[in-house]
Amino acid sequence: MNWITNYVRPKLQQLVRKTDVPDNLWTKCPKCEQMLYHRELESNLYVCPKCDHHLRLRAAKRLELLFDEATYETIEAPAEVLLDPLCFRDRKRYADRLKETQAATNVKDAIIVGEGRIGGLSAVVAVFDFEFMGGSMGMAVGDAFIAGARRAVETQASFLAISSSGGARMQEGILSLMQLPRTVIGVQEVKEAGLPYIAILADPTTGGVSASFAMLGDIQIAEPGAVIGFAGARVIEETIRQTLPDGFQRAEYLRDKGMLDLIVHRRELRNTLIRILRLIRNPLPSGQVVKIGDAGAWNAKRGRPGT
């Protein structure tokens, strides 16, 4: 027995350990690896002040940043779905994993739908929370998304979706994949009602989410540097046996290829949305010109006076 290792060192560690110091005072930037003080990071909307990298943001925080006076009401899905439809088990039971994640994140599932006003205009916003099982989309998420879309139609409000997800939730199998066409139907109901649907793509937007509602916005907005795509870059390279170009599946690359309308910094997102929503919901008289051509295109598609 080494008495220094087994006895002396633990005693010394116990003496110098401070139990009243929180362990979350500092966060390492995933891009530049700079240590960031949490209060500075929070005041900067969780954007690294050193390299401008946009860190992932919790769903509730996004809703607070978007709605007027950070005030909104949540919209619940109409009914509870079956907790574990396939009795799925990997290293642990899916039902247990759900309960543990709910306790750790303090949310019911990977989406929160809020209703309120943005710039004085009524809006319904569905936000994905990557902290909840990678923002994966299962039956409960699909139900909540549909509830939000139909609430927007009922109240004649704009519908916005902020995606941050790894895709469909494998623990629910085909029932999870069924949420892809369901969310598309929800978006279509909003559009058929003559209401705007704006898709905001945060990091990451991949898998079944990118293959459904996330790419159907009348206006497509992304945060800087967001990963957007279906399959992973490594999977694509191994499949086509070619080296992908630099920046592939990043927001800037997709914008240059015409798949996005705007890349907006998090600090500017709310004001940008206010300008767009005011143009869409209060179109200018014919002949007037504005710089945001996306809103004019949206009005033109619906036969409204535009830019």
Protein backbone atom coordinates (compact mmCIF):
# COMPACT_ATOMS: atom_id res chain seq x y z
CA MET A 1 0.00 0.00 0.00
CA ASN A 2 1.25 3.45 -0.92
CA TRP A 3 0.15 5.48 2.11
CA ILE A 4 0.96 8.83 0.43
CA THR A 5 -1.36 8.11 -2.52
CA ASN A 6 -4.09 6.37 -0.60
CA TYR A 7 -4.16 8.42 2.60
CA VAL A 8 -2.16 11.65 2.56
CA ARG A 9 -3.23 12.92 -0.88
CA PRO A 10 -7.01 12.46 -0.28
CA LYS A 11 -6.69 14.29 3.04
CA LEU A 12 -4.88 17.19 1.42
CA GLN A 13 -7.41 17.36 -1.43
CA GLN A 14 -10.24 17.44 1.07
CA LEU A 15 -8.63 20.34 2.90
CA VAL A 16 -8.12 22.51 -0.18
CA ARG A 17 -11.35 21.65 -1.99
CA LYS A 18 -13.83 24.55 -2.07
CA THR A 19 -17.38 23.31 -2.10
CA ASP A 20 -18.98 26.74 -2.44
CA VAL A 21 -17.43 27.61 -5.83
CA PRO A 22 -19.74 26.87 -8.78
CA ASP A 23 -18.31 24.68 -11.52
CA ASN A 24 -19.87 26.57 -14.45
CA LEU A 25 -18.12 29.92 -14.22
CA TRP A 26 -16.14 29.33 -17.40
CA THR A 27 -16.97 27.90 -20.81
CA LYS A 28 -14.50 26.89 -23.51
CA CYS A 29 -15.32 28.14 -26.99
CA PRO A 30 -15.64 25.09 -29.29
CA LYS A 31 -13.96 26.96 -32.15
CA CYS A 32 -11.06 29.00 -30.74
CA GLU A 33 -10.88 27.14 -27.39
CA GLN A 34 -10.73 30.43 -25.51
CA MET A 35 -11.98 30.25 -21.92
CA LEU A 36 -15.00 32.54 -21.60
CA TYR A 37 -16.45 33.89 -18.37
CA HIS A 38 -20.09 32.87 -18.23
CA ARG A 39 -21.45 36.34 -17.44
CA GLU A 40 -19.56 37.88 -20.33
CA LEU A 41 -20.78 35.08 -22.59
CA GLU A 42 -24.38 35.53 -21.48
CA SER A 43 -24.29 39.28 -22.01
CA ASN A 44 -22.96 38.63 -25.52
CA LEU A 45 -25.92 36.30 -26.29
CA TYR A 46 -23.66 33.25 -26.13
CA VAL A 47 -21.50 34.43 -29.02
CA CYS A 48 -17.75 34.14 -28.46
CA PRO A 49 -16.32 37.69 -28.20
CA LYS A 50 -12.96 36.42 -29.46
CA CYS A 51 -13.87 34.58 -32.69
CA ASP A 52 -17.62 35.39 -33.05
CA HIS A 53 -18.56 31.70 -32.91
CA HIS A 54 -22.27 31.20 -32.13
CA LEU A 55 -22.62 28.73 -29.29
CA ARG A 56 -25.79 26.67 -29.01
CA LEU A 57 -28.62 28.36 -27.16
CA ARG A 58 -31.39 26.85 -25.08
CA ALA A 59 -34.90 27.07 -26.55
CA ALA A 60 -36.37 29.14 -23.71
CA LYS A 61 -33.57 31.69 -24.03
CA ARG A 62 -34.20 32.04 -27.76
CA LEU A 63 -37.88 32.76 -27.13
CA GLU A 64 -36.99 35.41 -24.56
CA LEU A 65 -34.65 37.11 -27.02
CA LEU A 66 -37.23 37.21 -29.82
CA PHE A 67 -40.53 38.17 -28.18
CA ASP A 68 -41.39 41.69 -27.11
CA GLU A 69 -40.43 42.25 -23.46
CA ALA A 70 -39.37 38.57 -23.35
CA THR A 71 -43.03 37.71 -22.79
CA TYR A 72 -44.78 34.74 -24.37
CA GLU A 73 -47.17 31.89 -23.65
CA THR A 74 -46.27 28.31 -24.38
CA ILE A 75 -48.47 26.17 -26.60
CA GLU A 76 -48.84 22.57 -25.50
CA ALA A 77 -49.55 19.63 -27.78
CA PRO A 78 -53.22 18.56 -27.58
CA ALA A 79 -52.53 15.14 -26.05
CA GLU A 80 -49.74 13.10 -24.51
CA VAL A 81 -48.13 10.57 -26.83
CA LEU A 82 -47.11 7.05 -25.91
CA LEU A 83 -43.89 7.33 -23.90
CA ASP A 84 -42.02 4.38 -25.42
CA PRO A 85 -43.96 2.99 -28.39
CA LEU A 86 -41.31 0.42 -29.41
CA CYS A 87 -40.10 -0.53 -25.92
CA PHE A 88 -36.68 0.45 -27.23
CA ARG A 89 -33.53 -0.37 -25.31
CA ASP A 90 -29.86 0.16 -26.06
CA ARG A 91 -27.55 0.72 -23.09
CA LYS A 92 -30.64 1.72 -21.14
CA ARG A 93 -34.38 1.80 -21.66
CA TYR A 94 -35.66 4.65 -23.80
CA ALA A 95 -38.32 5.47 -21.20
CA ASP A 96 -35.62 5.87 -18.56
CA ARG A 97 -33.48 7.98 -20.89
CA LEU A 98 -36.43 10.30 -21.51
CA LYS A 99 -37.10 10.77 -17.81
CA GLU A 100 -33.45 11.45 -17.07
CA THR A 101 -33.20 14.00 -19.88
CA GLN A 102 -36.40 15.72 -18.79
CA ALA A 103 -35.02 16.06 -15.27
CA ALA A 104 -31.65 17.34 -16.51
CA THR A 105 -33.01 19.89 -19.00
CA ASN A 106 -36.25 20.88 -17.22
CA VAL A 107 -38.25 20.59 -20.46
CA LYS A 108 -40.72 17.93 -21.60
CA ASP A 109 -39.16 17.31 -25.00
CA ALA A 110 -36.87 18.75 -27.65
CA ILE A 111 -39.18 21.60 -28.69
CA ILE A 112 -40.87 24.59 -27.09
CA VAL A 113 -43.61 26.48 -28.93
CA GLY A 114 -44.29 30.04 -27.82
CA GLU A 115 -46.95 32.56 -28.77
CA GLY A 116 -46.53 36.31 -28.41
CA ARG A 117 -45.59 39.45 -30.30
CA ILE A 118 -42.47 40.36 -32.24
CA GLY A 119 -42.29 44.05 -33.00
CA GLY A 120 -45.95 44.35 -32.09
CA LEU A 121 -46.99 41.67 -34.60
CA SER A 122 -48.47 38.37 -33.46
CA ALA A 123 -46.24 35.36 -34.01
CA VAL A 124 -45.94 31.71 -33.07
CA VAL A 125 -42.39 30.41 -32.75
CA ALA A 126 -41.35 26.74 -32.53
CA VAL A 127 -37.81 26.35 -31.15
CA PHE A 128 -35.76 23.17 -30.92
CA ASP A 129 -33.56 22.51 -27.88
CA PHE A 130 -30.38 20.62 -28.76
CA GLU A 131 -29.76 19.85 -25.09
CA PHE A 132 -32.70 17.42 -25.18
CA MET A 133 -31.34 14.31 -26.91
CA GLY A 134 -29.67 16.33 -29.64
CA GLY A 135 -32.90 18.12 -30.52
CA SER A 136 -34.13 14.91 -32.14
CA MET A 137 -37.63 14.85 -33.57
CA GLY A 138 -40.04 12.23 -32.25
CA MET A 139 -43.80 12.01 -32.00
CA ALA A 140 -44.10 14.54 -29.19
CA VAL A 141 -42.03 17.05 -31.16
CA GLY A 142 -44.16 16.50 -34.26
CA ASP A 143 -47.36 17.01 -32.27
CA ALA A 144 -46.04 20.24 -30.75
CA PHE A 145 -44.95 21.55 -34.16
CA ILE A 146 -48.37 20.81 -35.67
CA ALA A 147 -50.08 22.46 -32.67
CA GLY A 148 -47.98 25.58 -33.22
CA ALA A 149 -48.72 25.73 -36.95
CA ARG A 150 -52.46 25.36 -36.38
CA ARG A 151 -52.41 27.95 -33.62
CA ALA A 152 -50.79 30.36 -36.08
CA VAL A 153 -53.58 29.68 -38.59
CA GLU A 154 -56.24 30.08 -35.90
CA THR A 155 -54.91 33.45 -34.73
CA GLN A 156 -53.69 34.61 -38.17
CA ALA A 157 -50.16 34.92 -36.82
CA SER A 158 -46.80 34.49 -38.52
CA PHE A 159 -45.19 31.11 -37.93
CA LEU A 160 -41.45 30.81 -37.27
CA ALA A 161 -39.37 27.70 -36.66
CA ILE A 162 -35.85 27.71 -35.22
CA SER A 163 -34.17 24.38 -35.83
CA SER A 164 -31.22 22.94 -33.94
CA SER A 165 -31.40 19.20 -34.32
CA GLY A 166 -29.60 16.03 -35.28
CA GLY A 167 -32.69 14.73 -37.07
CA ALA A 168 -35.27 12.03 -36.41
CA ARG A 169 -35.18 10.18 -33.08
CA MET A 170 -34.04 6.62 -33.76
CA GLN A 171 -35.61 5.23 -30.57
CA GLU A 172 -39.05 5.77 -32.11
CA GLY A 173 -38.24 4.18 -35.46
CA ILE A 174 -40.71 4.70 -38.31
CA LEU A 175 -42.99 6.67 -35.97
CA SER A 176 -40.27 9.29 -35.81
CA LEU A 177 -39.80 9.34 -39.59
CA MET A 178 -43.53 9.94 -39.95
CA GLN A 179 -43.01 13.36 -38.37
CA LEU A 180 -41.23 14.55 -41.52
CA PRO A 181 -44.39 14.60 -43.69
CA ARG A 182 -46.48 15.71 -40.72
CA THR A 183 -44.40 18.84 -40.19
CA VAL A 184 -44.49 19.52 -43.94
CA ILE A 185 -48.30 19.35 -43.77
CA GLY A 186 -48.24 21.82 -40.87
CA VAL A 187 -46.15 24.25 -42.91
CA GLN A 188 -48.46 23.82 -45.89
CA GLU A 189 -51.50 24.66 -43.76
CA VAL A 190 -49.82 27.91 -42.72
CA LYS A 191 -49.00 28.82 -46.32
CA GLU A 192 -52.49 27.95 -47.59
CA ALA A 193 -53.87 30.34 -44.98
CA GLY A 194 -51.81 33.12 -46.60
CA LEU A 195 -49.53 33.45 -43.59
CA PRO A 196 -45.73 33.76 -43.63
CA TYR A 197 -43.52 30.88 -42.54
CA ILE A 198 -39.93 31.82 -41.71
CA ALA A 199 -37.31 29.13 -41.12
CA ILE A 200 -34.30 30.00 -38.96
CA LEU A 201 -31.52 27.43 -39.12
CA ALA A 202 -29.18 27.23 -36.13
CA ASP A 203 -26.28 24.88 -35.51
CA PRO A 204 -26.81 22.07 -36.32
CA THR A 205 -29.73 21.50 -38.68
CA THR A 206 -29.31 18.01 -40.04
CA GLY A 207 -31.04 14.73 -40.83
CA GLY A 208 -34.80 14.53 -41.05
CA VAL A 209 -35.28 18.08 -39.83
CA SER A 210 -33.32 19.48 -42.78
CA ALA A 211 -35.28 17.13 -45.06
CA SER A 212 -38.63 18.50 -43.93
CA PHE A 213 -39.83 21.80 -42.47
CA ALA A 214 -36.42 23.44 -42.02
CA MET A 215 -35.92 23.98 -45.77
CA LEU A 216 -39.46 25.12 -46.62
CA GLY A 217 -39.44 28.66 -45.32
CA ASP A 218 -40.80 31.52 -47.40
CA ILE A 219 -37.63 33.13 -46.11
CA GLN A 220 -34.61 31.05 -45.09
CA ILE A 221 -32.34 32.55 -42.41
CA ALA A 222 -29.31 30.96 -40.78
CA GLU A 223 -26.90 31.86 -38.02
CA PRO A 224 -23.24 32.34 -39.02
CA GLY A 225 -21.27 29.13 -39.29
CA ALA A 226 -24.24 26.83 -38.70
CA VAL A 227 -23.87 23.24 -39.92
CA ILE A 228 -26.75 22.51 -42.30
CA GLY A 229 -27.20 19.31 -44.26
CA PHE A 230 -28.71 15.85 -44.35
CA ALA A 231 -25.95 13.25 -44.00
CA GLY A 232 -22.64 13.95 -42.28
CA ALA A 233 -19.73 15.20 -44.34
CA ARG A 234 -17.63 12.11 -43.61
CA VAL A 235 -20.45 9.81 -44.73
CA ILE A 236 -20.80 11.77 -47.97
CA GLU A 237 -17.06 11.65 -48.65
CA GLU A 238 -16.93 7.90 -48.10
CA THR A 239 -19.97 7.41 -50.33
CA ILE A 240 -18.92 9.51 -53.32
CA ARG A 241 -15.19 8.95 -52.70
CA GLN A 242 -14.38 12.60 -53.25
CA THR A 243 -12.99 15.35 -51.06
CA LEU A 244 -15.64 17.91 -50.21
CA PRO A 245 -14.93 21.63 -50.69
CA ASP A 246 -13.93 23.81 -47.76
CA GLY A 247 -16.88 25.07 -45.75
CA PHE A 248 -19.19 22.39 -47.15
CA GLN A 249 -22.51 22.24 -45.25
CA ARG A 250 -21.84 25.56 -43.53
CA ALA A 251 -24.38 28.36 -43.69
CA GLU A 252 -22.11 30.56 -45.80
CA TYR A 253 -21.64 27.80 -48.38
CA LEU A 254 -25.39 27.20 -48.65
CA ARG A 255 -26.07 30.91 -49.02
CA ASP A 256 -23.57 31.15 -51.87
CA LYS A 257 -25.32 28.20 -53.56
CA GLY A 258 -28.73 29.88 -53.29
CA MET A 259 -30.26 27.72 -50.55
CA LEU A 260 -30.44 30.50 -47.96
CA ASP A 261 -31.70 34.06 -48.19
CA LEU A 262 -29.88 35.60 -45.24
CA ILE A 263 -27.19 34.89 -42.67
CA VAL A 264 -27.95 36.99 -39.62
CA HIS A 265 -25.86 37.51 -36.50
CA ARG A 266 -27.68 36.61 -33.30
CA ARG A 267 -27.53 40.21 -32.07
CA GLU A 268 -29.35 41.36 -35.21
CA LEU A 269 -31.87 38.54 -35.55
CA ARG A 270 -34.79 40.11 -33.69
CA ASN A 271 -34.55 43.44 -35.52
CA THR A 272 -34.20 41.65 -38.86
CA LEU A 273 -37.30 39.58 -38.16
CA ILE A 274 -39.25 42.68 -37.16
CA ARG A 275 -38.37 44.39 -40.47
CA ILE A 276 -39.29 41.30 -42.49
CA LEU A 277 -42.55 40.66 -40.68
CA ARG A 278 -43.62 44.29 -41.05
CA LEU A 279 -42.93 44.16 -44.78
CA ILE A 280 -44.84 40.91 -45.18
CA ARG A 281 -47.82 41.71 -42.98
CA ASN A 282 -48.01 45.36 -44.07
CA PRO A 283 -46.92 45.31 -47.73
CA LEU A 284 -45.85 48.58 -49.31
CA PRO A 285 -47.87 50.22 -52.07
CA SER A 286 -46.98 49.09 -55.57
CA GLY A 287 -43.94 50.87 -56.99
CA GLN A 288 -42.09 51.39 -53.73
CA VAL A 289 -38.76 49.64 -53.37
CA VAL A 290 -37.11 48.17 -50.29
CA LYS A 291 -33.78 46.44 -49.88
CA ILE A 292 -35.11 43.17 -48.51
CA GLY A 293 -36.15 41.47 -51.74
CA ASP A 294 -37.20 38.29 -49.95
CA ALA A 295 -40.31 39.93 -48.54
CA GLY A 296 -41.22 41.24 -51.96
CA ALA A 297 -40.82 37.77 -53.43
CA TRP A 298 -43.07 36.37 -50.72
CA ASN A 299 -45.79 38.91 -51.53
CA ALA A 300 -45.37 38.35 -55.25
CA LYS A 301 -45.95 34.62 -54.85
CA ARG A 302 -49.30 35.38 -53.24
CA GLY A 303 -50.37 38.11 -55.62
CA ARG A 304 -49.90 40.89 -53.07
CA PRO A 305 -48.44 44.30 -53.81
CA GLY A 306 -44.72 44.04 -53.19
CA THR A 307 -41.40 45.65 -53.94
